[in-house]
């Protein structure tokens, strides 16, 4: 089953906390996940300052610079993984280096019949 691991962190803490993961550690984790065949995709996101929020209401498009809402933690990136079940997905998410300075939301992917 596919699970999306959404990595959230305060952007400042992610890069400046003593527990912040270094790029080499993140690359090593991604390489080990890819080698195991469990990682389907992974990407880091640019700063929340580059975000654009789009809404369609009553047939009118609304575009706002920045994130959807002011929060202490922002979406920093994701891993799309293949796991036996939620327990295995949680274990994989717990080893994501950024989990030390933020959190990882684990959600099953709903397969669409298209």
PDB file of N, CA and C in Angstrom:
ATOM      1  N   UNK A   1       0.837  -1.178   0.000  1.00  0.00           N
ATOM      2  CA  UNK A   1       0.000   0.000   0.000  1.00  0.00           C
ATOM      3  C   UNK A   1       0.886   1.246   0.000  1.00  0.00           C
ATOM      4  N   UNK A   2       0.397   2.283  -0.660  1.00  0.00           N
ATOM      5  CA  UNK A   2       1.162   3.529  -0.721  1.00  0.00           C
ATOM      6  C   UNK A   2       0.776   4.438   0.453  1.00  0.00           C
ATOM      7  N   UNK A   3       1.793   5.113   0.999  1.00  0.00           N
ATOM      8  CA  UNK A   3       1.592   6.098   2.059  1.00  0.00           C
ATOM      9  C   UNK A   3       2.368   7.355   1.697  1.00  0.00           C
ATOM     10  N   UNK A   4       1.749   8.503   1.965  1.00  0.00           N
ATOM     11  CA  UNK A   4       2.421   9.776   1.775  1.00  0.00           C
ATOM     12  C   UNK A   4       2.870  10.273   3.138  1.00  0.00           C
ATOM     13  N   UNK A   5       4.157  10.521   3.269  1.00  0.00           N
ATOM     14  CA  UNK A   5       4.740  11.044   4.501  1.00  0.00           C
ATOM     15  C   UNK A   5       5.028  12.522   4.262  1.00  0.00           C
ATOM     16  N   UNK A   6       4.204  13.375   4.862  1.00  0.00           N
ATOM     17  CA  UNK A   6       4.332  14.821   4.699  1.00  0.00           C
ATOM     18  C   UNK A   6       5.197  15.370   5.819  1.00  0.00           C
ATOM     19  N   UNK A   7       6.285  16.008   5.463  1.00  0.00           N
ATOM     20  CA  UNK A   7       7.247  16.516   6.438  1.00  0.00           C
ATOM     21  C   UNK A   7       6.930  17.980   6.725  1.00  0.00           C
ATOM     22  N   UNK A   8       6.638  18.280   8.002  1.00  0.00           N
ATOM     23  CA  UNK A   8       6.352  19.645   8.429  1.00  0.00           C
ATOM     24  C   UNK A   8       7.421  20.104   9.405  1.00  0.00           C
ATOM     25  N   UNK A   9       7.818  21.359   9.273  1.00  0.00           N
ATOM     26  CA  UNK A   9       8.808  21.913  10.186  1.00  0.00           C
ATOM     27  C   UNK A   9       8.756  23.424  10.114  1.00  0.00           C
ATOM     28  N   UNK A  10       9.167  24.058  11.179  1.00  0.00           N
ATOM     29  CA  UNK A  10       9.397  25.487  11.151  1.00  0.00           C
ATOM     30  C   UNK A  10      10.627  25.678  10.279  1.00  0.00           C
ATOM     31  N   UNK A  11      10.518  26.471   9.219  1.00  0.00           N
ATOM     32  CA  UNK A  11      11.632  26.603   8.273  1.00  0.00           C
ATOM     33  C   UNK A  11      12.920  27.047   8.952  1.00  0.00           C
ATOM     34  N   UNK A  12      12.810  27.942   9.900  1.00  0.00           N
ATOM     35  CA  UNK A  12      14.019  28.414  10.582  1.00  0.00           C
ATOM     36  C   UNK A  12      14.638  27.281  11.406  1.00  0.00           C
ATOM     37  N   UNK A  13      13.821  26.559  12.156  1.00  0.00           N
ATOM     38  CA  UNK A  13      14.324  25.458  12.984  1.00  0.00           C
ATOM     39  C   UNK A  13      14.903  24.337  12.124  1.00  0.00           C
ATOM     40  N   UNK A  14      14.291  24.094  10.983  1.00  0.00           N
ATOM     41  CA  UNK A  14      14.752  23.012  10.113  1.00  0.00           C
ATOM     42  C   UNK A  14      16.199  23.209   9.689  1.00  0.00           C
ATOM     43  N   UNK A  15      16.609  24.453   9.529  1.00  0.00           N
ATOM     44  CA  UNK A  15      17.958  24.714   9.038  1.00  0.00           C
ATOM     45  C   UNK A  15      18.920  25.255  10.092  1.00  0.00           C
ATOM     46  N   UNK A  16      18.406  25.613  11.262  1.00  0.00           N
ATOM     47  CA  UNK A  16      19.279  26.244  12.252  1.00  0.00           C
ATOM     48  C   UNK A  16      19.290  25.583  13.624  1.00  0.00           C
ATOM     49  N   UNK A  17      18.472  24.587  13.855  1.00  0.00           N
ATOM     50  CA  UNK A  17      18.452  23.888  15.142  1.00  0.00           C
ATOM     51  C   UNK A  17      19.660  22.966  15.247  1.00  0.00           C
ATOM     52  N   UNK A  18      20.194  22.785  16.466  1.00  0.00           N
ATOM     53  CA  UNK A  18      21.315  21.842  16.632  1.00  0.00           C
ATOM     54  C   UNK A  18      20.966  20.414  16.186  1.00  0.00           C
ATOM     55  N   UNK A  19      19.678  20.058  16.233  1.00  0.00           N
ATOM     56  CA  UNK A  19      19.246  18.720  15.808  1.00  0.00           C
ATOM     57  C   UNK A  19      18.926  18.645  14.322  1.00  0.00           C
ATOM     58  N   UNK A  20      19.074  19.744  13.605  1.00  0.00           N
ATOM     59  CA  UNK A  20      18.747  19.759  12.184  1.00  0.00           C
ATOM     60  C   UNK A  20      19.562  18.733  11.417  1.00  0.00           C
ATOM     61  N   UNK A  21      18.888  17.984  10.535  1.00  0.00           N
ATOM     62  CA  UNK A  21      19.630  17.040   9.704  1.00  0.00           C
ATOM     63  C   UNK A  21      20.444  17.772   8.655  1.00  0.00           C
ATOM     64  N   UNK A  22      21.583  17.240   8.348  1.00  0.00           N
ATOM     65  CA  UNK A  22      22.437  17.784   7.283  1.00  0.00           C
ATOM     66  C   UNK A  22      22.041  17.114   5.968  1.00  0.00           C
ATOM     67  N   UNK A  23      22.347  17.789   4.859  1.00  0.00           N
ATOM     68  CA  UNK A  23      21.991  17.251   3.549  1.00  0.00           C
ATOM     69  C   UNK A  23      22.506  15.836   3.351  1.00  0.00           C
ATOM     70  N   UNK A  24      23.727  15.571   3.794  1.00  0.00           N
ATOM     71  CA  UNK A  24      24.314  14.233   3.601  1.00  0.00           C
ATOM     72  C   UNK A  24      23.457  13.163   4.273  1.00  0.00           C
ATOM     73  N   UNK A  25      22.930  13.463   5.467  1.00  0.00           N
ATOM     74  CA  UNK A  25      22.093  12.507   6.185  1.00  0.00           C
ATOM     75  C   UNK A  25      20.778  12.284   5.432  1.00  0.00           C
ATOM     76  N   UNK A  26      20.203  13.348   4.918  1.00  0.00           N
ATOM     77  CA  UNK A  26      18.957  13.235   4.157  1.00  0.00           C
ATOM     78  C   UNK A  26      19.170  12.433   2.877  1.00  0.00           C
ATOM     79  N   UNK A  27      20.292  12.689   2.189  1.00  0.00           N
ATOM     80  CA  UNK A  27      20.598  11.939   0.973  1.00  0.00           C
ATOM     81  C   UNK A  27      20.809  10.461   1.290  1.00  0.00           C
ATOM     82  N   UNK A  28      21.488  10.162   2.388  1.00  0.00           N
ATOM     83  CA  UNK A  28      21.730   8.774   2.781  1.00  0.00           C
ATOM     84  C   UNK A  28      20.413   8.062   3.081  1.00  0.00           C
ATOM     85  N   UNK A  29      19.511   8.739   3.782  1.00  0.00           N
ATOM     86  CA  UNK A  29      18.204   8.147   4.072  1.00  0.00           C
ATOM     87  C   UNK A  29      17.453   7.864   2.769  1.00  0.00           C
ATOM     88  N   UNK A  30      17.409   8.839   1.870  1.00  0.00           N
ATOM     89  CA  UNK A  30      16.709   8.663   0.598  1.00  0.00           C
ATOM     90  C   UNK A  30      17.329   7.521  -0.218  1.00  0.00           C
ATOM     91  N   UNK A  31      18.651   7.441  -0.229  1.00  0.00           N
ATOM     92  CA  UNK A  31      19.314   6.363  -0.965  1.00  0.00           C
ATOM     93  C   UNK A  31      18.980   5.002  -0.373  1.00  0.00           C
ATOM     94  N   UNK A  32      18.944   4.901   0.960  1.00  0.00           N
ATOM     95  CA  UNK A  32      18.632   3.611   1.583  1.00  0.00           C
ATOM     96  C   UNK A  32      17.177   3.223   1.320  1.00  0.00           C
ATOM     97  N   UNK A  33      16.284   4.203   1.330  1.00  0.00           N
ATOM     98  CA  UNK A  33      14.878   3.918   1.033  1.00  0.00           C
ATOM     99  C   UNK A  33      14.713   3.495  -0.424  1.00  0.00           C
ATOM    100  N   UNK A  34      15.403   4.162  -1.326  1.00  0.00           N
ATOM    101  CA  UNK A  34      15.324   3.808  -2.744  1.00  0.00           C
ATOM    102  C   UNK A  34      15.890   2.404  -2.977  1.00  0.00           C
ATOM    103  N   UNK A  35      17.010   2.105  -2.326  1.00  0.00           N
ATOM    104  CA  UNK A  35      17.637   0.790  -2.488  1.00  0.00           C
ATOM    105  C   UNK A  35      16.737  -0.327  -1.970  1.00  0.00           C
ATOM    106  N   UNK A  36      15.923  -0.029  -0.949  1.00  0.00           N
ATOM    107  CA  UNK A  36      15.024  -1.043  -0.394  1.00  0.00           C
ATOM    108  C   UNK A  36      13.797  -1.258  -1.276  1.00  0.00           C
ATOM    109  N   UNK A  37      13.579  -0.366  -2.246  1.00  0.00           N
ATOM    110  CA  UNK A  37      12.426  -0.470  -3.119  1.00  0.00           C
ATOM    111  C   UNK A  37      11.149   0.098  -2.523  1.00  0.00           C
ATOM    112  N   UNK A  38      11.240   0.704  -1.344  1.00  0.00           N
ATOM    113  CA  UNK A  38      10.041   1.231  -0.672  1.00  0.00           C
ATOM    114  C   UNK A  38       9.756   2.691  -1.003  1.00  0.00           C
ATOM    115  N   UNK A  39      10.742   3.435  -1.513  1.00  0.00           N
ATOM    116  CA  UNK A  39      10.513   4.833  -1.838  1.00  0.00           C
ATOM    117  C   UNK A  39      10.064   4.954  -3.287  1.00  0.00           C
ATOM    118  N   UNK A  40       8.895   5.533  -3.474  1.00  0.00           N
ATOM    119  CA  UNK A  40       8.359   5.730  -4.813  1.00  0.00           C
ATOM    120  C   UNK A  40       8.694   7.120  -5.340  1.00  0.00           C
ATOM    121  N   UNK A  41       8.761   8.100  -4.433  1.00  0.00           N
ATOM    122  CA  UNK A  41       9.115   9.476  -4.807  1.00  0.00           C
ATOM    123  C   UNK A  41       9.444  10.242  -3.537  1.00  0.00           C
ATOM    124  N   UNK A  42      10.252  11.274  -3.670  1.00  0.00           N
ATOM    125  CA  UNK A  42      10.570  12.150  -2.545  1.00  0.00           C
ATOM    126  C   UNK A  42      11.054  13.477  -3.108  1.00  0.00           C
ATOM    127  N   UNK A  43      10.616  14.548  -2.496  1.00  0.00           N
ATOM    128  CA  UNK A  43      11.045  15.876  -2.917  1.00  0.00           C
ATOM    129  C   UNK A  43      11.039  16.812  -1.726  1.00  0.00           C
ATOM    130  N   UNK A  44      11.980  17.731  -1.724  1.00  0.00           N
ATOM    131  CA  UNK A  44      11.968  18.840  -0.774  1.00  0.00           C
ATOM    132  C   UNK A  44      11.307  20.018  -1.467  1.00  0.00           C
ATOM    133  N   UNK A  45      10.649  20.858  -0.697  1.00  0.00           N
ATOM    134  CA  UNK A  45       9.967  22.006  -1.276  1.00  0.00           C
ATOM    135  C   UNK A  45      10.754  23.279  -1.024  1.00  0.00           C
ATOM    136  N   UNK A  46      10.584  24.247  -1.904  1.00  0.00           N
ATOM    137  CA  UNK A  46      11.172  25.568  -1.708  1.00  0.00           C
ATOM    138  C   UNK A  46      10.494  26.226  -0.513  1.00  0.00           C
ATOM    139  N   UNK A  47      11.019  27.334  -0.066  1.00  0.00           N
ATOM    140  CA  UNK A  47      10.494  28.062   1.082  1.00  0.00           C
ATOM    141  C   UNK A  47       9.012  28.372   0.922  1.00  0.00           C
ATOM    142  N   UNK A  48       8.318  28.428   2.036  1.00  0.00           N
ATOM    143  CA  UNK A  48       6.903  28.775   2.038  1.00  0.00           C
ATOM    144  C   UNK A  48       6.686  30.164   1.435  1.00  0.00           C
ATOM    145  N   UNK A  49       7.705  30.991   1.427  1.00  0.00           N
ATOM    146  CA  UNK A  49       7.604  32.323   0.818  1.00  0.00           C
ATOM    147  C   UNK A  49       7.342  32.251  -0.687  1.00  0.00           C
ATOM    148  N   UNK A  50       7.640  31.110  -1.308  1.00  0.00           N
ATOM    149  CA  UNK A  50       7.430  30.952  -2.751  1.00  0.00           C
ATOM    150  C   UNK A  50       6.059  30.359  -3.079  1.00  0.00           C
ATOM    151  N   UNK A  51       5.257  30.052  -2.047  1.00  0.00           N
ATOM    152  CA  UNK A  51       3.965  29.389  -2.246  1.00  0.00           C
ATOM    153  C   UNK A  51       2.935  30.332  -2.852  1.00  0.00           C
ATOM    154  N   UNK A  52       2.012  29.741  -3.573  1.00  0.00           N
ATOM    155  CA  UNK A  52       0.838  30.442  -4.088  1.00  0.00           C
ATOM    156  C   UNK A  52      -0.373  29.591  -3.744  1.00  0.00           C
ATOM    157  N   UNK A  53      -1.383  30.190  -3.151  1.00  0.00           N
ATOM    158  CA  UNK A  53      -2.608  29.480  -2.799  1.00  0.00           C
ATOM    159  C   UNK A  53      -3.685  29.835  -3.813  1.00  0.00           C
ATOM    160  N   UNK A  54      -4.347  28.817  -4.350  1.00  0.00           N
ATOM    161  CA  UNK A  54      -5.361  28.988  -5.387  1.00  0.00           C
ATOM    162  C   UNK A  54      -6.697  28.467  -4.862  1.00  0.00           C
ATOM    163  N   UNK A  55      -7.756  29.249  -5.068  1.00  0.00           N
ATOM    164  CA  UNK A  55      -9.110  28.832  -4.702  1.00  0.00           C
ATOM    165  C   UNK A  55     -10.042  29.141  -5.884  1.00  0.00           C
ATOM    166  N   UNK A  56     -11.042  28.304  -6.047  1.00  0.00           N
ATOM    167  CA  UNK A  56     -12.092  28.561  -7.028  1.00  0.00           C
ATOM    168  C   UNK A  56     -13.395  28.621  -6.241  1.00  0.00           C
ATOM    169  N   UNK A  57     -14.025  29.783  -6.226  1.00  0.00           N
ATOM    170  CA  UNK A  57     -15.282  29.976  -5.506  1.00  0.00           C
ATOM    171  C   UNK A  57     -16.278  30.648  -6.440  1.00  0.00           C
ATOM    172  N   UNK A  58     -17.425  30.043  -6.596  1.00  0.00           N
ATOM    173  CA  UNK A  58     -18.461  30.629  -7.436  1.00  0.00           C
ATOM    174  C   UNK A  58     -17.991  30.908  -8.848  1.00  0.00           C
ATOM    175  N   UNK A  59     -17.113  30.060  -9.361  1.00  0.00           N
ATOM    176  CA  UNK A  59     -16.608  30.232 -10.716  1.00  0.00           C
ATOM    177  C   UNK A  59     -15.518  31.271 -10.854  1.00  0.00           C
ATOM    178  N   UNK A  60     -15.084  31.870  -9.737  1.00  0.00           N
ATOM    179  CA  UNK A  60     -14.036  32.890  -9.779  1.00  0.00           C
ATOM    180  C   UNK A  60     -12.760  32.360  -9.137  1.00  0.00           C
ATOM    181  N   UNK A  61     -11.671  32.595  -9.831  1.00  0.00           N
ATOM    182  CA  UNK A  61     -10.360  32.154  -9.369  1.00  0.00           C
ATOM    183  C   UNK A  61      -9.750  33.215  -8.459  1.00  0.00           C
ATOM    184  N   UNK A  62      -9.284  32.766  -7.294  1.00  0.00           N
ATOM    185  CA  UNK A  62      -8.613  33.648  -6.345  1.00  0.00           C
ATOM    186  C   UNK A  62      -7.196  33.128  -6.155  1.00  0.00           C
ATOM    187  N   UNK A  63      -6.220  34.010  -6.288  1.00  0.00           N
ATOM    188  CA  UNK A  63      -4.818  33.638  -6.157  1.00  0.00           C
ATOM    189  C   UNK A  63      -4.204  34.509  -5.070  1.00  0.00           C
ATOM    190  N   UNK A  64      -3.557  33.848  -4.085  1.00  0.00           N
ATOM    191  CA  UNK A  64      -2.943  34.559  -2.963  1.00  0.00           C
ATOM    192  C   UNK A  64      -1.489  34.130  -2.851  1.00  0.00           C
ATOM    193  N   UNK A  65      -0.596  35.099  -2.740  1.00  0.00           N
ATOM    194  CA  UNK A  65       0.812  34.770  -2.497  1.00  0.00           C
ATOM    195  C   UNK A  65       0.943  34.214  -1.085  1.00  0.00           C
ATOM    196  N   UNK A  66       1.721  33.164  -0.958  1.00  0.00           N
ATOM    197  CA  UNK A  66       1.983  32.595   0.359  1.00  0.00           C
ATOM    198  C   UNK A  66       1.153  31.363   0.638  1.00  0.00           C
ATOM    199  N   UNK A  67       1.324  30.831   1.829  1.00  0.00           N
ATOM    200  CA  UNK A  67       0.648  29.585   2.207  1.00  0.00           C
ATOM    201  C   UNK A  67      -0.832  29.813   2.501  1.00  0.00           C
ATOM    202  N   UNK A  68      -1.545  28.728   2.651  1.00  0.00           N
ATOM    203  CA  UNK A  68      -2.980  28.759   2.938  1.00  0.00           C
ATOM    204  C   UNK A  68      -3.276  29.476   4.245  1.00  0.00           C
ATOM    205  N   UNK A  69      -2.501  29.205   5.278  1.00  0.00           N
ATOM    206  CA  UNK A  69      -2.749  29.800   6.593  1.00  0.00           C
ATOM    207  C   UNK A  69      -1.425  30.046   7.300  1.00  0.00           C
ATOM    208  N   UNK A  70      -1.441  30.990   8.212  1.00  0.00           N
ATOM    209  CA  UNK A  70      -0.262  31.234   9.047  1.00  0.00           C
ATOM    210  C   UNK A  70      -0.156  30.109  10.063  1.00  0.00           C
ATOM    211  N   UNK A  71       0.961  29.436  10.071  1.00  0.00           N
ATOM    212  CA  UNK A  71       1.186  28.352  11.020  1.00  0.00           C
ATOM    213  C   UNK A  71       2.631  28.401  11.501  1.00  0.00           C
ATOM    214  N   UNK A  72       2.896  27.684  12.591  1.00  0.00           N
ATOM    215  CA  UNK A  72       4.262  27.627  13.107  1.00  0.00           C
ATOM    216  C   UNK A  72       5.119  26.672  12.281  1.00  0.00           C
ATOM    217  N   UNK A  73       4.477  25.667  11.678  1.00  0.00           N
ATOM    218  CA  UNK A  73       5.210  24.701  10.869  1.00  0.00           C
ATOM    219  C   UNK A  73       4.664  24.715   9.445  1.00  0.00           C
ATOM    220  N   UNK A  74       5.568  24.559   8.498  1.00  0.00           N
ATOM    221  CA  UNK A  74       5.189  24.570   7.094  1.00  0.00           C
ATOM    222  C   UNK A  74       5.527  23.221   6.455  1.00  0.00           C
ATOM    223  N   UNK A  75       4.834  22.922   5.370  1.00  0.00           N
ATOM    224  CA  UNK A  75       5.138  21.716   4.610  1.00  0.00           C
ATOM    225  C   UNK A  75       6.499  21.907   3.959  1.00  0.00           C
ATOM    226  N   UNK A  76       7.443  21.038   4.301  1.00  0.00           N
ATOM    227  CA  UNK A  76       8.818  21.171   3.817  1.00  0.00           C
ATOM    228  C   UNK A  76       9.145  20.186   2.698  1.00  0.00           C
ATOM    229  N   UNK A  77       8.410  19.096   2.635  1.00  0.00           N
ATOM    230  CA  UNK A  77       8.674  18.099   1.611  1.00  0.00           C
ATOM    231  C   UNK A  77       7.845  16.853   1.853  1.00  0.00           C
ATOM    232  N   UNK A  78       8.109  15.814   1.061  1.00  0.00           N
ATOM    233  CA  UNK A  78       7.334  14.586   1.205  1.00  0.00           C
ATOM    234  C   UNK A  78       8.133  13.377   0.746  1.00  0.00           C
ATOM    235  N   UNK A  79       7.704  12.236   1.218  1.00  0.00           N
ATOM    236  CA  UNK A  79       8.162  10.937   0.739  1.00  0.00           C
ATOM    237  C   UNK A  79       6.917  10.132   0.406  1.00  0.00           C
ATOM    238  N   UNK A  80       6.870   9.565  -0.774  1.00  0.00           N
ATOM    239  CA  UNK A  80       5.817   8.629  -1.135  1.00  0.00           C
ATOM    240  C   UNK A  80       6.439   7.250  -1.025  1.00  0.00           C
ATOM    241  N   UNK A  81       5.908   6.427  -0.117  1.00  0.00           N
ATOM    242  CA  UNK A  81       6.529   5.141   0.168  1.00  0.00           C
ATOM    243  C   UNK A  81       5.541   4.000  -0.038  1.00  0.00           C
ATOM    244  N   UNK A  82       6.088   2.834  -0.247  1.00  0.00           N
ATOM    245  CA  UNK A  82       5.321   1.592  -0.311  1.00  0.00           C
ATOM    246  C   UNK A  82       5.586   0.855   0.998  1.00  0.00           C
ATOM    247  N   UNK A  83       4.517   0.503   1.711  1.00  0.00           N
ATOM    248  CA  UNK A  83       4.665  -0.193   2.991  1.00  0.00           C
ATOM    249  C   UNK A  83       3.590  -1.267   3.110  1.00  0.00           C
ATOM    250  N   UNK A  84       3.887  -2.289   3.923  1.00  0.00           N
ATOM    251  CA  UNK A  84       2.923  -3.378   4.138  1.00  0.00           C
ATOM    252  C   UNK A  84       1.634  -2.859   4.759  1.00  0.00           C
ATOM    253  N   UNK A  85       1.807  -1.953   5.735  1.00  0.00           N
ATOM    254  CA  UNK A  85       0.658  -1.452   6.491  1.00  0.00           C
ATOM    255  C   UNK A  85       1.051  -0.135   7.162  1.00  0.00           C
ATOM    256  N   UNK A  86       0.102   0.440   7.905  1.00  0.00           N
ATOM    257  CA  UNK A  86       0.347   1.710   8.573  1.00  0.00           C
ATOM    258  C   UNK A  86       1.507   1.617   9.556  1.00  0.00           C
ATOM    259  N   UNK A  87       1.621   0.511  10.256  1.00  0.00           N
ATOM    260  CA  UNK A  87       2.717   0.369  11.218  1.00  0.00           C
ATOM    261  C   UNK A  87       4.083   0.472  10.550  1.00  0.00           C
ATOM    262  N   UNK A  88       4.246  -0.181   9.414  1.00  0.00           N
ATOM    263  CA  UNK A  88       5.523  -0.086   8.711  1.00  0.00           C
ATOM    264  C   UNK A  88       5.747   1.332   8.185  1.00  0.00           C
ATOM    265  N   UNK A  89       4.689   1.970   7.678  1.00  0.00           N
ATOM    266  CA  UNK A  89       4.813   3.344   7.187  1.00  0.00           C
ATOM    267  C   UNK A  89       5.227   4.289   8.315  1.00  0.00           C
ATOM    268  N   UNK A  90       4.695   4.081   9.505  1.00  0.00           N
ATOM    269  CA  UNK A  90       5.061   4.903  10.661  1.00  0.00           C
ATOM    270  C   UNK A  90       6.527   4.693  11.013  1.00  0.00           C
ATOM    271  N   UNK A  91       6.985   3.464  10.963  1.00  0.00           N
ATOM    272  CA  UNK A  91       8.404   3.191  11.242  1.00  0.00           C
ATOM    273  C   UNK A  91       9.308   3.884  10.224  1.00  0.00           C
ATOM    274  N   UNK A  92       8.935   3.830   8.953  1.00  0.00           N
ATOM    275  CA  UNK A  92       9.722   4.501   7.918  1.00  0.00           C
ATOM    276  C   UNK A  92       9.727   6.012   8.161  1.00  0.00           C
ATOM    277  N   UNK A  93       8.570   6.579   8.488  1.00  0.00           N
ATOM    278  CA  UNK A  93       8.463   8.016   8.731  1.00  0.00           C
ATOM    279  C   UNK A  93       9.281   8.442   9.942  1.00  0.00           C
ATOM    280  N   UNK A  94       9.349   7.597  10.948  1.00  0.00           N
ATOM    281  CA  UNK A  94      10.101   7.924  12.151  1.00  0.00           C
ATOM    282  C   UNK A  94      11.580   8.074  11.913  1.00  0.00           C
ATOM    283  N   UNK A  95      12.071   7.496  10.820  1.00  0.00           N
ATOM    284  CA  UNK A  95      13.497   7.583  10.501  1.00  0.00           C
ATOM    285  C   UNK A  95      13.822   8.720   9.530  1.00  0.00           C
ATOM    286  N   UNK A  96      12.811   9.459   9.099  1.00  0.00           N
ATOM    287  CA  UNK A  96      13.071  10.618   8.247  1.00  0.00           C
ATOM    288  C   UNK A  96      13.835  11.635   9.088  1.00  0.00           C
ATOM    289  N   UNK A  97      15.020  12.046   8.667  1.00  0.00           N
ATOM    290  CA  UNK A  97      15.854  12.922   9.506  1.00  0.00           C
ATOM    291  C   UNK A  97      15.153  14.189   9.993  1.00  0.00           C
ATOM    292  N   UNK A  98      14.314  14.794   9.183  1.00  0.00           N
ATOM    293  CA  UNK A  98      13.650  16.039   9.577  1.00  0.00           C
ATOM    294  C   UNK A  98      12.620  15.834  10.689  1.00  0.00           C
ATOM    295  N   UNK A  99      12.251  14.603  10.978  1.00  0.00           N
ATOM    296  CA  UNK A  99      11.295  14.344  12.061  1.00  0.00           C
ATOM    297  C   UNK A  99      11.848  14.797  13.413  1.00  0.00           C
ATOM    298  N   UNK A 100      13.166  14.927  13.507  1.00  0.00           N
ATOM    299  CA  UNK A 100      13.790  15.376  14.767  1.00  0.00           C
ATOM    300  C   UNK A 100      13.477  16.826  15.085  1.00  0.00           C
ATOM    301  N   UNK A 101      13.211  17.640  14.079  1.00  0.00           N
ATOM    302  CA  UNK A 101      12.975  19.071  14.312  1.00  0.00           C
ATOM    303  C   UNK A 101      11.577  19.501  13.874  1.00  0.00           C
ATOM    304  N   UNK A 102      10.774  18.570  13.426  1.00  0.00           N
ATOM    305  CA  UNK A 102       9.423  18.864  12.989  1.00  0.00           C
ATOM    306  C   UNK A 102       8.545  17.657  13.226  1.00  0.00           C
ATOM    307  N   UNK A 103       7.645  17.399  12.312  1.00  0.00           N
ATOM    308  CA  UNK A 103       6.794  16.212  12.415  1.00  0.00           C
ATOM    309  C   UNK A 103       6.543  15.664  11.019  1.00  0.00           C
ATOM    310  N   UNK A 104       6.108  14.421  10.979  1.00  0.00           N
ATOM    311  CA  UNK A 104       5.785  13.774   9.710  1.00  0.00           C
ATOM    312  C   UNK A 104       4.360  13.236   9.815  1.00  0.00           C
ATOM    313  N   UNK A 105       3.504  13.710   8.944  1.00  0.00           N
ATOM    314  CA  UNK A 105       2.131  13.212   8.868  1.00  0.00           C
ATOM    315  C   UNK A 105       2.121  12.050   7.885  1.00  0.00           C
ATOM    316  N   UNK A 106       1.589  10.906   8.310  1.00  0.00           N
ATOM    317  CA  UNK A 106       1.539   9.706   7.469  1.00  0.00           C
ATOM    318  C   UNK A 106       0.088   9.469   7.064  1.00  0.00           C
ATOM    319  N   UNK A 107      -0.146   9.414   5.749  1.00  0.00           N
ATOM    320  CA  UNK A 107      -1.504   9.208   5.259  1.00  0.00           C
ATOM    321  C   UNK A 107      -1.527   8.177   4.161  1.00  0.00           C
ATOM    322  N   UNK A 108      -2.485   7.238   4.223  1.00  0.00           N
ATOM    323  CA  UNK A 108      -2.636   6.283   3.140  1.00  0.00           C
ATOM    324  C   UNK A 108      -3.066   7.003   1.864  1.00  0.00           C
ATOM    325  N   UNK A 109      -2.589   6.519   0.747  1.00  0.00           N
ATOM    326  CA  UNK A 109      -2.983   7.063  -0.544  1.00  0.00           C
ATOM    327  C   UNK A 109      -4.233   6.332  -1.007  1.00  0.00           C
ATOM    328  N   UNK A 110      -5.243   7.059  -1.367  1.00  0.00           N
ATOM    329  CA  UNK A 110      -6.480   6.470  -1.877  1.00  0.00           C
ATOM    330  C   UNK A 110      -6.320   6.239  -3.362  1.00  0.00           C
ATOM    331  N   UNK A 111      -6.365   5.000  -3.772  1.00  0.00           N
ATOM    332  CA  UNK A 111      -6.197   4.660  -5.178  1.00  0.00           C
ATOM    333  C   UNK A 111      -7.449   5.048  -5.956  1.00  0.00           C
ATOM    334  N   UNK A 112      -7.259   5.843  -7.004  1.00  0.00           N
ATOM    335  CA  UNK A 112      -8.385   6.249  -7.846  1.00  0.00           C
ATOM    336  C   UNK A 112      -8.503   5.316  -9.038  1.00  0.00           C
ATOM    337  N   UNK A 113      -9.718   4.981  -9.373  1.00  0.00           N
ATOM    338  CA  UNK A 113      -9.986   4.128 -10.530  1.00  0.00           C
ATOM    339  C   UNK A 113     -10.249   5.026 -11.732  1.00  0.00           C
ATOM    340  N   UNK A 114      -9.182   5.347 -12.468  1.00  0.00           N
ATOM    341  CA  UNK A 114      -9.336   6.219 -13.639  1.00  0.00           C
ATOM    342  C   UNK A 114      -8.966   5.485 -14.901  1.00  0.00           C
TER     343      UNK A 114
END
